[in-house]
N, C-alpha and C. Protein backbone atom coordinates (compact mmCIF):
# COMPACT_ATOMS: atom_id res chain seq x y z
N MET A 1 30.93 232.43 102.70
CA MET A 1 29.91 233.10 103.13
C MET A 1 29.11 232.24 104.17
N ILE A 2 28.55 233.05 105.03
CA ILE A 2 27.88 232.72 106.20
C ILE A 2 26.36 232.38 105.83
N GLN A 3 25.64 231.21 106.01
CA GLN A 3 24.02 231.20 105.64
C GLN A 3 23.47 231.33 107.12
N ALA A 4 22.50 232.16 107.43
CA ALA A 4 21.48 232.12 108.72
C ALA A 4 20.54 231.10 108.60
N LEU A 5 20.13 230.40 109.68
CA LEU A 5 19.06 229.20 109.80
C LEU A 5 18.03 229.62 110.39
N LYS A 6 17.10 229.08 110.27
CA LYS A 6 15.77 229.36 111.14
C LYS A 6 15.24 230.93 110.94
N ASP A 7 14.88 231.57 111.84
CA ASP A 7 14.47 233.09 111.60
C ASP A 7 15.48 234.05 112.16
N PHE A 8 16.63 233.65 112.20
CA PHE A 8 17.84 234.45 112.60
C PHE A 8 18.16 235.28 111.17
N VAL A 9 18.99 236.27 111.62
CA VAL A 9 19.52 237.15 110.44
C VAL A 9 21.05 237.39 110.91
N ILE A 10 21.90 237.11 110.17
CA ILE A 10 23.44 237.65 110.51
C ILE A 10 23.78 238.88 109.86
N VAL A 11 24.27 239.90 110.51
CA VAL A 11 24.90 241.09 110.32
C VAL A 11 25.72 241.26 110.72
N ARG A 12 26.66 242.68 109.86
CA ARG A 12 27.99 243.00 110.86
C ARG A 12 27.82 244.60 110.96
N GLN A 13 28.26 245.27 111.80
CA GLN A 13 28.10 246.57 112.01
C GLN A 13 28.55 247.28 111.08
N LYS A 14 27.88 248.62 110.57
CA LYS A 14 28.37 249.46 109.45
C LYS A 14 29.08 250.56 110.33
N TYR A 15 30.24 250.61 109.47
CA TYR A 15 31.44 251.57 110.11
C TYR A 15 31.52 252.82 109.00
N ALA A 16 31.85 253.77 109.58
CA ALA A 16 32.10 255.11 109.21
C ALA A 16 33.70 255.34 108.64
N GLU A 17 33.74 255.87 107.51
CA GLU A 17 35.44 255.72 107.15
C GLU A 17 35.48 257.61 107.18
N GLU A 18 36.36 258.03 107.67
CA GLU A 18 36.80 259.34 108.00
C GLU A 18 37.98 259.85 106.41
N SER A 19 38.00 260.96 106.19
CA SER A 19 38.94 261.17 105.28
C SER A 19 40.19 260.96 105.27
N SER A 20 41.10 260.78 106.57
CA SER A 20 42.03 260.32 107.02
C SER A 20 42.65 259.10 106.75
N GLY A 21 41.37 258.31 106.26
CA GLY A 21 41.48 256.85 106.07
C GLY A 21 41.13 255.80 107.11
N ILE A 22 41.34 256.37 108.55
CA ILE A 22 41.04 255.85 109.61
C ILE A 22 39.34 255.28 109.72
N ILE A 23 39.32 254.19 110.12
CA ILE A 23 37.94 253.56 110.16
C ILE A 23 37.59 253.54 111.53
N ILE A 24 36.45 253.67 111.92
CA ILE A 24 36.22 253.93 113.30
C ILE A 24 34.50 253.52 112.98
N PRO A 25 34.28 252.44 114.54
CA PRO A 25 32.76 252.18 114.44
C PRO A 25 31.76 253.38 114.64
N GLU A 26 30.51 253.42 114.33
CA GLU A 26 29.63 254.39 114.35
C GLU A 26 29.18 254.85 116.06
N THR A 27 29.59 253.61 116.72
CA THR A 27 29.39 253.72 118.20
C THR A 27 30.09 254.99 118.86
N ALA A 28 31.34 254.99 118.08
CA ALA A 28 32.31 256.26 118.65
C ALA A 28 32.07 257.68 118.27
N ASN A 29 31.10 257.58 117.20
CA ASN A 29 30.42 259.15 116.87
C ASN A 29 29.05 259.26 117.34
N LYS A 30 28.90 260.03 118.65
CA LYS A 30 27.62 260.19 119.09
C LYS A 30 26.72 260.61 118.19
N HIS A 31 26.90 261.56 117.30
CA HIS A 31 26.15 262.17 116.37
C HIS A 31 25.19 261.22 115.68
N LYS A 32 25.84 259.89 115.36
CA LYS A 32 25.24 259.10 114.57
C LYS A 32 24.67 257.96 115.27
N LEU A 33 24.38 257.94 116.73
CA LEU A 33 23.90 257.06 117.31
C LEU A 33 22.64 257.20 118.20
N TYR A 34 21.48 256.84 117.94
CA TYR A 34 20.42 257.40 118.44
C TYR A 34 19.75 256.23 119.34
N ASP A 35 19.25 256.80 120.66
CA ASP A 35 18.64 255.80 121.28
C ASP A 35 19.56 254.55 121.88
N GLY A 36 20.58 254.42 121.74
CA GLY A 36 21.42 253.55 121.88
C GLY A 36 21.59 252.27 120.88
N LYS A 37 20.88 252.75 119.60
CA LYS A 37 20.62 251.76 118.46
C LYS A 37 21.90 251.87 117.68
N ILE A 38 22.70 250.99 116.85
CA ILE A 38 23.58 251.33 115.87
C ILE A 38 23.31 250.60 114.70
N LYS A 39 23.56 251.04 113.46
CA LYS A 39 23.17 250.48 111.91
C LYS A 39 24.03 249.28 111.77
N TYR A 40 23.39 248.26 111.28
CA TYR A 40 23.98 247.04 110.80
C TYR A 40 23.55 246.89 109.37
N ILE A 41 24.33 245.84 108.66
CA ILE A 41 24.55 245.66 107.52
C ILE A 41 23.98 244.05 106.97
N VAL A 42 22.71 243.69 106.48
CA VAL A 42 22.47 242.25 106.63
C VAL A 42 23.55 241.42 105.42
N GLU A 43 23.73 240.39 106.32
CA GLU A 43 24.81 239.39 105.45
C GLU A 43 24.06 238.29 104.58
N SER A 44 23.15 237.69 105.88
CA SER A 44 22.28 236.51 105.39
C SER A 44 21.10 236.55 106.17
N VAL A 45 20.13 235.85 105.37
CA VAL A 45 18.89 235.96 106.28
C VAL A 45 18.02 234.47 106.24
N GLY A 46 18.10 233.83 107.29
CA GLY A 46 17.27 232.59 107.19
C GLY A 46 16.03 232.39 106.77
N PRO A 47 15.93 231.53 106.49
CA PRO A 47 14.52 230.73 105.50
C PRO A 47 13.34 231.04 106.20
N ASP A 48 13.32 231.02 107.36
CA ASP A 48 11.83 231.23 108.20
C ASP A 48 11.68 232.85 108.83
N TYR A 49 12.54 233.46 108.25
CA TYR A 49 12.30 234.80 108.62
C TYR A 49 10.90 235.46 108.31
N PRO A 50 10.44 235.93 109.11
CA PRO A 50 9.06 236.44 108.69
C PRO A 50 8.59 237.69 107.86
N TRP A 51 9.73 238.35 107.48
CA TRP A 51 9.44 239.53 106.47
C TRP A 51 10.44 239.65 105.56
N ARG A 52 10.36 240.55 104.41
CA ARG A 52 11.39 240.67 103.50
C ARG A 52 12.43 241.28 103.87
N LEU A 53 13.52 240.54 103.44
CA LEU A 53 14.94 241.34 103.90
C LEU A 53 15.86 240.91 103.44
N ARG A 54 16.64 241.50 102.78
CA ARG A 54 17.85 241.06 101.79
C ARG A 54 19.26 241.17 102.01
N ARG A 55 20.17 240.55 101.53
CA ARG A 55 21.28 240.92 101.89
C ARG A 55 22.00 242.24 101.41
N GLY A 56 22.24 242.96 102.37
CA GLY A 56 22.91 244.59 102.04
C GLY A 56 22.14 245.55 102.35
N ASP A 57 20.63 245.04 103.19
CA ASP A 57 19.88 245.88 103.59
C ASP A 57 20.60 246.40 104.95
N MET A 58 20.37 247.75 105.29
CA MET A 58 20.76 248.34 106.64
C MET A 58 19.46 248.33 107.61
N ILE A 59 19.95 247.57 108.80
CA ILE A 59 18.83 247.64 109.76
C ILE A 59 19.35 248.06 111.19
N GLU A 60 18.37 248.16 111.89
CA GLU A 60 18.54 249.18 113.38
C GLU A 60 18.16 247.66 114.28
N ILE A 61 19.08 247.31 115.37
CA ILE A 61 18.78 246.50 116.23
C ILE A 61 18.78 247.27 117.65
N VAL A 62 18.46 246.98 118.59
CA VAL A 62 18.56 247.27 120.01
C VAL A 62 19.90 246.84 120.57
N ARG A 63 20.60 247.70 121.18
CA ARG A 63 22.06 247.46 121.44
C ARG A 63 22.10 246.31 122.24
N HIS A 64 23.16 245.50 122.11
CA HIS A 64 23.54 244.49 123.10
C HIS A 64 22.54 243.46 123.04
N GLU A 65 21.69 243.26 121.88
CA GLU A 65 21.20 242.36 121.43
C GLU A 65 21.63 241.40 120.47
N GLY A 66 21.56 240.15 120.30
CA GLY A 66 22.29 239.21 119.35
C GLY A 66 23.28 238.43 120.15
N ILE A 67 23.97 237.85 119.08
CA ILE A 67 25.25 236.88 119.69
C ILE A 67 26.42 237.21 118.76
N LYS A 68 27.17 237.64 119.32
CA LYS A 68 28.35 237.81 118.52
C LYS A 68 29.29 237.14 118.33
N PHE A 69 29.92 236.67 117.05
CA PHE A 69 30.81 235.86 116.46
C PHE A 69 31.84 236.31 115.84
N VAL A 70 32.95 235.76 115.60
CA VAL A 70 33.96 236.28 114.47
C VAL A 70 34.20 235.33 113.50
N HIS A 71 34.12 235.83 111.82
CA HIS A 71 34.75 234.50 111.25
C HIS A 71 35.43 235.32 110.11
N GLU A 72 36.45 234.69 109.81
CA GLU A 72 37.35 235.24 108.97
C GLU A 72 37.79 236.70 109.21
N GLY A 73 38.37 236.83 110.41
CA GLY A 73 38.21 238.35 111.27
C GLY A 73 37.49 239.06 111.25
N ILE A 74 36.27 238.85 110.75
CA ILE A 74 35.27 239.75 110.86
C ILE A 74 34.21 239.90 112.05
N ASP A 75 33.81 240.71 112.72
CA ASP A 75 32.91 240.36 114.06
C ASP A 75 31.28 240.83 113.01
N TYR A 76 30.56 239.66 113.35
CA TYR A 76 29.11 239.52 113.14
C TYR A 76 28.45 239.35 114.28
N TRP A 77 27.22 239.54 114.12
CA TRP A 77 26.23 239.17 114.91
C TRP A 77 25.03 238.39 114.77
N LYS A 78 24.51 237.60 115.30
CA LYS A 78 23.34 236.46 115.08
C LYS A 78 22.29 237.19 115.51
N VAL A 79 21.17 237.58 114.83
CA VAL A 79 20.00 238.23 115.88
C VAL A 79 18.76 238.05 115.15
N LYS A 80 17.81 237.75 116.34
CA LYS A 80 16.57 237.20 116.04
C LYS A 80 15.61 238.47 115.19
N ALA A 81 14.35 237.90 114.85
CA ALA A 81 13.52 238.80 114.07
C ALA A 81 12.83 240.03 115.19
N ARG A 82 12.68 239.44 116.19
CA ARG A 82 12.15 240.23 117.31
C ARG A 82 13.10 241.47 117.71
N TRP A 83 14.27 241.55 117.61
CA TRP A 83 15.40 242.25 118.00
C TRP A 83 15.53 243.39 116.82
N ILE A 84 15.18 243.21 115.87
CA ILE A 84 15.34 244.17 114.71
C ILE A 84 13.99 245.25 115.01
N GLU A 85 14.48 246.24 114.76
CA GLU A 85 13.54 247.71 114.96
C GLU A 85 13.48 248.16 113.87
N GLY A 86 14.08 248.14 112.85
CA GLY A 86 13.86 249.14 111.90
C GLY A 86 14.87 248.83 110.60
N VAL A 87 14.35 248.73 109.34
CA VAL A 87 15.13 248.66 108.00
C VAL A 87 14.98 250.19 107.60
N TYR A 88 16.02 250.60 107.24
CA TYR A 88 16.46 251.80 106.28
C TYR A 88 16.16 251.36 104.84
N VAL A 89 15.48 252.46 104.41
CA VAL A 89 15.07 252.51 102.91
C VAL A 89 15.50 253.35 102.05
């Protein structure tokens, strides 16, 4: 498991699965993309993060913000609090 530090949040992109079993990113489906924003799932929250956010929450960040890295074959992004625009409830 990855642990975020400071006020960073570690997220992974939420993917949609079609009935055929093919997994495609939501960016490929323009009906699920609004104003250049993509849905992400929170994996880890740093101890200095200013708001209440938990693992498994779905958030929205500005497109192309964050630092992308790969861990165990999965793409993750390290994002700052100011890049997060909303939390889905």
